[in-house]
Amino acid sequence: MPAQWTGIFIGKLHNNGITAKEFASYLGFHPKYVSKVLNGKCTPKDAEKKFTAGLDAMLKEREAKQ
């Protein structure tokens, strides 16, 4: 079963119009890896911290472009 943070994270992606593929590309990760983490198939250490920091940076970058 996926960790609770992944559901919240997927909601944040959705609310900001970001696909998992776009997010994976931004971080330089393979889309399948991101999918595995978000679906609870893979639970790397510090994934929540890395993914959250990446999303925050991505959103700041998008905001700066507007």
Protein backbone atom coordinates (compact mmCIF):
# COMPACT_ATOMS: atom_id res chain seq x y z
CA MET A 1 0.00 0.00 0.00
CA PRO A 2 1.36 3.45 -0.90
CA ALA A 3 2.42 5.82 1.85
CA GLN A 4 -0.06 8.57 2.73
CA TRP A 5 2.24 11.29 1.46
CA THR A 6 2.01 9.93 -2.10
CA GLY A 7 -1.74 10.58 -2.27
CA ILE A 8 -1.28 14.12 -1.05
CA PHE A 9 1.58 14.59 -3.50
CA ILE A 10 -0.42 13.29 -6.46
CA GLY A 11 -3.18 15.73 -5.49
CA LYS A 12 -0.69 18.60 -5.54
CA LEU A 13 0.50 17.57 -8.99
CA HIS A 14 -3.08 17.41 -10.22
CA ASN A 15 -4.08 20.75 -8.68
CA ASN A 16 -1.12 22.44 -10.36
CA GLY A 17 -1.67 20.82 -13.75
CA ILE A 18 1.59 18.87 -13.66
CA THR A 19 1.78 15.34 -15.01
CA ALA A 20 3.96 12.70 -13.42
CA LYS A 21 5.94 12.59 -16.69
CA GLU A 22 6.59 16.34 -16.55
CA PHE A 23 7.65 16.03 -12.93
CA ALA A 24 9.94 13.10 -13.67
CA SER A 25 11.53 15.00 -16.54
CA TYR A 26 12.07 18.06 -14.34
CA LEU A 27 13.91 15.98 -11.73
CA GLY A 28 15.81 13.95 -14.30
CA PHE A 29 14.16 10.70 -13.20
CA HIS A 30 12.66 8.05 -15.44
CA PRO A 31 8.83 8.29 -15.49
CA LYS A 32 8.54 4.62 -14.51
CA TYR A 33 10.62 5.25 -11.39
CA VAL A 34 8.36 8.13 -10.34
CA SER A 35 5.33 5.95 -11.01
CA LYS A 36 6.73 3.14 -8.86
CA VAL A 37 7.41 5.51 -5.97
CA LEU A 38 4.00 7.19 -6.15
CA ASN A 39 2.22 3.84 -6.40
CA GLY A 40 4.11 2.33 -3.46
CA LYS A 41 5.98 -0.28 -5.51
CA CYS A 42 9.31 1.27 -4.56
CA THR A 43 10.06 3.05 -1.27
CA PRO A 44 13.45 4.74 -1.47
CA LYS A 45 14.81 6.53 1.56
CA ASP A 46 14.07 10.28 1.58
CA ALA A 47 11.72 10.00 -1.42
CA GLU A 48 9.13 12.24 0.21
CA LYS A 49 11.74 14.91 0.94
CA LYS A 50 13.24 14.76 -2.57
CA PHE A 51 9.91 14.75 -4.37
CA THR A 52 8.49 17.58 -2.24
CA ALA A 53 11.60 19.71 -2.71
CA GLY A 54 11.48 19.06 -6.45
CA LEU A 55 7.83 20.03 -6.71
CA ASP A 56 8.40 23.19 -4.67
CA ALA A 57 11.27 24.18 -6.96
CA MET A 58 9.22 23.40 -10.06
CA LEU A 59 6.31 25.53 -8.83
CA LYS A 60 8.62 28.44 -7.92
CA GLU A 61 10.18 28.26 -11.37
CA ARG A 62 6.76 28.27 -13.02
CA GLU A 63 5.68 31.21 -10.89
CA ALA A 64 8.78 33.19 -11.81
CA LYS A 65 8.04 32.69 -15.52
CA GLN A 66 4.58 34.21 -15.20
